Structure formats: structure tokens, C-alpha cells
Amino acid sequence: MPEPRSRSAGQRGPAFGSVQAKRTPVPMQRLSVRAQNVLKELAVELTGEQPPKGTWSPSRELLLALTAERLATTRNCGPHTMREIVDWAQGCGVTIKPVIPPGGSLSQMWGELITNASEGALTSAEIVSALQRSIRRKSVRIPIAFQVILVKILLSNFE
């Protein structure tokens, strides 16, 4: 459910992947249709479960199998849907940790990603999460070393 626009930015809950306060598990009534569809797609892949058409609630087994990395790379799962699913899972007593640890500066985050890339341990979900965090923080600076990594990745996938 979107928050009222009249509230100041400081009163809204923290964005996924940002510095987060401890969330109190509060069960949501139900998931949006988009969130249900994302979870239905993941249910088949992660648990082999065949969800029914229409309204459905994911099993605890599925929630335990979910990772932020998997959500970040799933079709139709943008930041709002991801936040909704993470909050819903939290309300069910399952914590889905963010791909990039919360906190720290953007330059620290980019440095860690560049190090991971040089070690060959960079995942597409980490890239997506880093770019989403950078966009949320309205950063206009992406380090040249990371831009080079992105170009190499894009050229290798499209050739």
C-alpha cells in the first residue's frame, strides 16, 4: 500500500537495501497481484510447487528458499514489489537479507563491488542492487572502473 505523499521523507520506512531500522513483524492482509505472480513463478523454480490460479499465499518453505538476489533478478520484481515481498515475509517471521549489506557509503559499496569483480565473484543481482541503491540516493557518479566492468559484461552477453 503506497504511503501518503503528505508525510515527509524522514517519516517513511527505510528503502530496501538502505540503512534499515529493526522492522516489527506485522502480518499484511494479502500480497498484491504482482507480488503473488512473482512468487508463483519462483514457487515453481525453487520448490516445485504449482500454485493455483487466483489469490494465493506462498508456503513457508518458499519464503525460506527466497533470497534478495533471486528476487532482484526475477521478471516483474521491481524495488516496490521486492520491498512488499520482503515486508510480507518479515510479517510471517522470515527475514530476507539484502544483497548488499545495509549502511556504508556509496564509494565503499562501489569499492567492494570492484574488488568482487576483480576476483570473479560479482553476481548480476549485486550489480542490480548497487545500481538501484545509487539511483535511490540520486548519485550521478559511477566509478570508471565499474563502468568498464559493466561494458565488459554487456559486450560478453551481446556478442
C-alpha atoms as a PDB file:
ATOM      1  CA  MET A   1       0.000   0.000   0.000  1.00  0.00           C
ATOM      2  CA  PRO A   2       1.604   3.325  -1.004  1.00  0.00           C
ATOM      3  CA  GLU A   3       2.299   5.811   1.720  1.00  0.00           C
ATOM      4  CA  PRO A   4       0.587   9.186   1.769  1.00  0.00           C
ATOM      5  CA  ARG A   5       2.545  11.856  -0.064  1.00  0.00           C
ATOM      6  CA  SER A   6       1.879  14.373   2.692  1.00  0.00           C
ATOM      7  CA  ARG A   7       4.339  12.641   5.017  1.00  0.00           C
ATOM      8  CA  SER A   8       7.910  13.882   4.968  1.00  0.00           C
ATOM      9  CA  ALA A   9      10.611  11.592   3.618  1.00  0.00           C
ATOM     10  CA  GLY A  10      12.044  11.064   7.101  1.00  0.00           C
ATOM     11  CA  GLN A  11       8.784   9.528   8.318  1.00  0.00           C
ATOM     12  CA  ARG A  12       8.597   6.858   5.643  1.00  0.00           C
ATOM     13  CA  GLY A  13      10.083   3.435   6.224  1.00  0.00           C
ATOM     14  CA  PRO A  14      13.616   2.802   5.002  1.00  0.00           C
ATOM     15  CA  ALA A  15      14.161   1.690   1.409  1.00  0.00           C
ATOM     16  CA  PHE A  16      15.202  -1.920   0.806  1.00  0.00           C
ATOM     17  CA  GLY A  17      18.956  -2.196   0.947  1.00  0.00           C
ATOM     18  CA  SER A  18      19.407   1.105   2.782  1.00  0.00           C
ATOM     19  CA  VAL A  19      20.169   1.539   6.448  1.00  0.00           C
ATOM     20  CA  GLN A  20      17.212  -0.221   7.995  1.00  0.00           C
ATOM     21  CA  ALA A  21      15.658   0.099  11.401  1.00  0.00           C
ATOM     22  CA  LYS A  22      14.529  -3.133  13.011  1.00  0.00           C
ATOM     23  CA  ARG A  23      11.175  -3.992  11.480  1.00  0.00           C
ATOM     24  CA  THR A  24       8.465  -5.279  13.712  1.00  0.00           C
ATOM     25  CA  PRO A  25       6.777  -8.290  12.121  1.00  0.00           C
ATOM     26  CA  VAL A  26       3.314  -7.142  11.145  1.00  0.00           C
ATOM     27  CA  PRO A  27       1.354  -9.626   9.047  1.00  0.00           C
ATOM     28  CA  MET A  28      -0.065  -7.963   5.954  1.00  0.00           C
ATOM     29  CA  GLN A  29      -3.563  -8.927   4.921  1.00  0.00           C
ATOM     30  CA  ARG A  30      -2.510 -10.106   1.462  1.00  0.00           C
ATOM     31  CA  LEU A  31       0.017  -9.559  -1.278  1.00  0.00           C
ATOM     32  CA  SER A  32      -0.625  -7.505  -4.403  1.00  0.00           C
ATOM     33  CA  VAL A  33      -1.371  -9.389  -7.609  1.00  0.00           C
ATOM     34  CA  ARG A  34       2.092  -8.541  -8.987  1.00  0.00           C
ATOM     35  CA  ALA A  35       3.830  -9.837  -5.838  1.00  0.00           C
ATOM     36  CA  GLN A  36       1.719 -13.014  -5.944  1.00  0.00           C
ATOM     37  CA  ASN A  37       2.643 -13.555  -9.610  1.00  0.00           C
ATOM     38  CA  VAL A  38       6.362 -13.084  -8.877  1.00  0.00           C
ATOM     39  CA  LEU A  39       6.126 -15.572  -6.001  1.00  0.00           C
ATOM     40  CA  LYS A  40       4.121 -18.050  -8.121  1.00  0.00           C
ATOM     41  CA  GLU A  41       6.888 -18.003 -10.722  1.00  0.00           C
ATOM     42  CA  LEU A  42       9.518 -18.517  -8.032  1.00  0.00           C
ATOM     43  CA  ALA A  43       7.497 -21.275  -6.322  1.00  0.00           C
ATOM     44  CA  VAL A  44       7.757 -23.439  -9.416  1.00  0.00           C
ATOM     45  CA  GLU A  45      11.503 -22.804  -9.750  1.00  0.00           C
ATOM     46  CA  LEU A  46      12.546 -23.004  -6.090  1.00  0.00           C
ATOM     47  CA  THR A  47      10.206 -25.577  -4.529  1.00  0.00           C
ATOM     48  CA  GLY A  48       8.482 -27.296  -7.454  1.00  0.00           C
ATOM     49  CA  GLU A  49       5.139 -26.239  -6.022  1.00  0.00           C
ATOM     50  CA  GLN A  50       2.322 -25.482  -8.530  1.00  0.00           C
ATOM     51  CA  PRO A  51       0.352 -22.520  -7.148  1.00  0.00           C
ATOM     52  CA  PRO A  52      -3.346 -22.303  -8.043  1.00  0.00           C
ATOM     53  CA  LYS A  53      -4.760 -19.555 -10.239  1.00  0.00           C
ATOM     54  CA  GLY A  54      -6.192 -16.596  -8.373  1.00  0.00           C
ATOM     55  CA  THR A  55      -5.458 -15.482  -4.838  1.00  0.00           C
ATOM     56  CA  TRP A  56      -2.718 -17.488  -3.174  1.00  0.00           C
ATOM     57  CA  SER A  57      -0.325 -17.241  -0.238  1.00  0.00           C
ATOM     58  CA  PRO A  58       3.195 -18.648  -0.514  1.00  0.00           C
ATOM     59  CA  SER A  59       4.282 -21.524   1.675  1.00  0.00           C
ATOM     60  CA  ARG A  60       6.810 -21.077   4.460  1.00  0.00           C
ATOM     61  CA  GLU A  61       9.127 -23.393   2.507  1.00  0.00           C
ATOM     62  CA  LEU A  62       9.110 -20.930  -0.403  1.00  0.00           C
ATOM     63  CA  LEU A  63       9.726 -17.943   1.880  1.00  0.00           C
ATOM     64  CA  LEU A  64      12.705 -19.720   3.457  1.00  0.00           C
ATOM     65  CA  ALA A  65      14.109 -20.511  -0.016  1.00  0.00           C
ATOM     66  CA  LEU A  66      13.862 -16.886  -1.184  1.00  0.00           C
ATOM     67  CA  THR A  67      16.908 -14.654  -1.361  1.00  0.00           C
ATOM     68  CA  ALA A  68      17.125 -10.959  -2.170  1.00  0.00           C
ATOM     69  CA  GLU A  69      19.451 -11.885  -5.031  1.00  0.00           C
ATOM     70  CA  ARG A  70      16.787 -14.156  -6.535  1.00  0.00           C
ATOM     71  CA  LEU A  71      14.076 -11.518  -6.130  1.00  0.00           C
ATOM     72  CA  ALA A  72      16.274  -8.819  -7.698  1.00  0.00           C
ATOM     73  CA  THR A  73      16.700 -10.873 -10.863  1.00  0.00           C
ATOM     74  CA  THR A  74      13.121 -12.111 -11.211  1.00  0.00           C
ATOM     75  CA  ARG A  75      10.969 -10.736 -14.026  1.00  0.00           C
ATOM     76  CA  ASN A  76       8.403  -8.104 -12.918  1.00  0.00           C
ATOM     77  CA  CYS A  77      10.000  -7.761  -9.471  1.00  0.00           C
ATOM     78  CA  GLY A  78      10.997  -4.136  -9.152  1.00  0.00           C
ATOM     79  CA  PRO A  79      12.008  -2.347  -5.965  1.00  0.00           C
ATOM     80  CA  HIS A  80       8.427  -1.783  -4.755  1.00  0.00           C
ATOM     81  CA  THR A  81       7.400  -5.396  -5.319  1.00  0.00           C
ATOM     82  CA  MET A  82      10.620  -6.619  -3.730  1.00  0.00           C
ATOM     83  CA  ARG A  83      10.022  -4.416  -0.674  1.00  0.00           C
ATOM     84  CA  GLU A  84       6.437  -5.675  -0.422  1.00  0.00           C
ATOM     85  CA  ILE A  85       7.546  -9.321  -0.556  1.00  0.00           C
ATOM     86  CA  VAL A  86      10.350  -8.745   1.967  1.00  0.00           C
ATOM     87  CA  ASP A  87       7.946  -6.946   4.336  1.00  0.00           C
ATOM     88  CA  TRP A  88       5.313  -9.660   3.911  1.00  0.00           C
ATOM     89  CA  ALA A  89       7.872 -12.396   4.600  1.00  0.00           C
ATOM     90  CA  GLN A  90       9.046 -10.448   7.675  1.00  0.00           C
ATOM     91  CA  GLY A  91       5.451 -10.384   8.878  1.00  0.00           C
ATOM     92  CA  CYS A  92       5.421 -14.170   8.513  1.00  0.00           C
ATOM     93  CA  GLY A  93       8.592 -14.448  10.604  1.00  0.00           C
ATOM     94  CA  VAL A  94      11.038 -14.970   7.691  1.00  0.00           C
ATOM     95  CA  THR A  95      13.851 -12.479   7.144  1.00  0.00           C
ATOM     96  CA  ILE A  96      15.177 -11.988   3.619  1.00  0.00           C
ATOM     97  CA  LYS A  97      18.520 -10.237   3.880  1.00  0.00           C
ATOM     98  CA  PRO A  98      19.530  -7.590   1.308  1.00  0.00           C
ATOM     99  CA  VAL A  99      22.115  -8.445  -1.348  1.00  0.00           C
ATOM    100  CA  ILE A 100      24.411  -5.624  -0.334  1.00  0.00           C
ATOM    101  CA  PRO A 101      24.745  -5.161   3.395  1.00  0.00           C
ATOM    102  CA  PRO A 102      22.903  -2.053   4.574  1.00  0.00           C
ATOM    103  CA  GLY A 103      24.818   1.036   5.533  1.00  0.00           C
ATOM    104  CA  GLY A 104      28.132   2.360   4.399  1.00  0.00           C
ATOM    105  CA  SER A 105      28.850   4.950   1.780  1.00  0.00           C
ATOM    106  CA  LEU A 106      28.287   4.598  -1.939  1.00  0.00           C
ATOM    107  CA  SER A 107      32.037   4.810  -2.566  1.00  0.00           C
ATOM    108  CA  GLN A 108      32.572   1.932  -0.113  1.00  0.00           C
ATOM    109  CA  MET A 109      29.874  -0.090  -1.907  1.00  0.00           C
ATOM    110  CA  TRP A 110      31.439   0.560  -5.331  1.00  0.00           C
ATOM    111  CA  GLY A 111      34.881  -0.366  -3.982  1.00  0.00           C
ATOM    112  CA  GLU A 112      33.594  -3.700  -2.673  1.00  0.00           C
ATOM    113  CA  LEU A 113      31.866  -4.450  -5.993  1.00  0.00           C
ATOM    114  CA  ILE A 114      35.010  -3.621  -7.969  1.00  0.00           C
ATOM    115  CA  THR A 115      37.014  -5.940  -5.689  1.00  0.00           C
ATOM    116  CA  ASN A 116      34.416  -8.721  -6.143  1.00  0.00           C
ATOM    117  CA  ALA A 117      34.552  -8.259  -9.921  1.00  0.00           C
ATOM    118  CA  SER A 118      38.345  -8.474  -9.980  1.00  0.00           C
ATOM    119  CA  GLU A 119      38.080 -11.738  -8.020  1.00  0.00           C
ATOM    120  CA  GLY A 120      35.425 -13.045 -10.433  1.00  0.00           C
ATOM    121  CA  ALA A 121      32.793 -13.148  -7.696  1.00  0.00           C
ATOM    122  CA  LEU A 122      30.387 -10.432  -8.875  1.00  0.00           C
ATOM    123  CA  THR A 123      26.786 -11.508  -9.460  1.00  0.00           C
ATOM    124  CA  SER A 124      24.196  -9.807 -11.635  1.00  0.00           C
ATOM    125  CA  ALA A 125      21.986  -9.349  -8.568  1.00  0.00           C
ATOM    126  CA  GLU A 126      24.771  -7.388  -6.842  1.00  0.00           C
ATOM    127  CA  ILE A 127      25.051  -5.153  -9.900  1.00  0.00           C
ATOM    128  CA  VAL A 128      21.292  -4.589  -9.988  1.00  0.00           C
ATOM    129  CA  SER A 129      21.144  -3.876  -6.266  1.00  0.00           C
ATOM    130  CA  ALA A 130      24.085  -1.448  -6.425  1.00  0.00           C
ATOM    131  CA  LEU A 131      22.597   0.452  -9.338  1.00  0.00           C
ATOM    132  CA  GLN A 132      19.193   0.602  -7.620  1.00  0.00           C
ATOM    133  CA  ARG A 133      20.812   1.918  -4.450  1.00  0.00           C
ATOM    134  CA  SER A 134      22.753   4.501  -6.443  1.00  0.00           C
ATOM    135  CA  ILE A 135      19.563   5.612  -8.204  1.00  0.00           C
ATOM    136  CA  ARG A 136      17.646   5.826  -4.913  1.00  0.00           C
ATOM    137  CA  ARG A 137      20.394   8.017  -3.476  1.00  0.00           C
ATOM    138  CA  LYS A 138      20.319  10.103  -6.690  1.00  0.00           C
ATOM    139  CA  SER A 139      24.035   9.622  -7.245  1.00  0.00           C
ATOM    140  CA  VAL A 140      25.342  10.819 -10.579  1.00  0.00           C
ATOM    141  CA  ARG A 141      28.793   9.283 -10.094  1.00  0.00           C
ATOM    142  CA  ILE A 142      29.593   5.715 -11.046  1.00  0.00           C
ATOM    143  CA  PRO A 143      33.322   4.947 -10.795  1.00  0.00           C
ATOM    144  CA  ILE A 144      35.115   4.490 -14.128  1.00  0.00           C
ATOM    145  CA  ALA A 145      36.384   1.042 -13.029  1.00  0.00           C
ATOM    146  CA  PHE A 146      32.787  -0.109 -12.510  1.00  0.00           C
ATOM    147  CA  GLN A 147      31.689   1.387 -15.840  1.00  0.00           C
ATOM    148  CA  VAL A 148      34.453  -0.668 -17.523  1.00  0.00           C
ATOM    149  CA  ILE A 149      33.154  -3.806 -15.765  1.00  0.00           C
ATOM    150  CA  LEU A 150      29.600  -3.089 -16.984  1.00  0.00           C
ATOM    151  CA  VAL A 151      30.811  -2.587 -20.568  1.00  0.00           C
ATOM    152  CA  LYS A 152      32.725  -5.888 -20.465  1.00  0.00           C
ATOM    153  CA  ILE A 153      29.670  -7.706 -19.105  1.00  0.00           C
ATOM    154  CA  LEU A 154      27.362  -6.196 -21.725  1.00  0.00           C
ATOM    155  CA  LEU A 155      29.751  -6.945 -24.595  1.00  0.00           C
ATOM    156  CA  SER A 156      30.221 -10.539 -23.480  1.00  0.00           C
ATOM    157  CA  ASN A 157      26.433 -11.097 -23.310  1.00  0.00           C
ATOM    158  CA  PHE A 158      25.614  -9.499 -26.648  1.00  0.00           C
ATOM    159  CA  GLU A 159      28.378 -10.919 -28.851  1.00  0.00           C
END
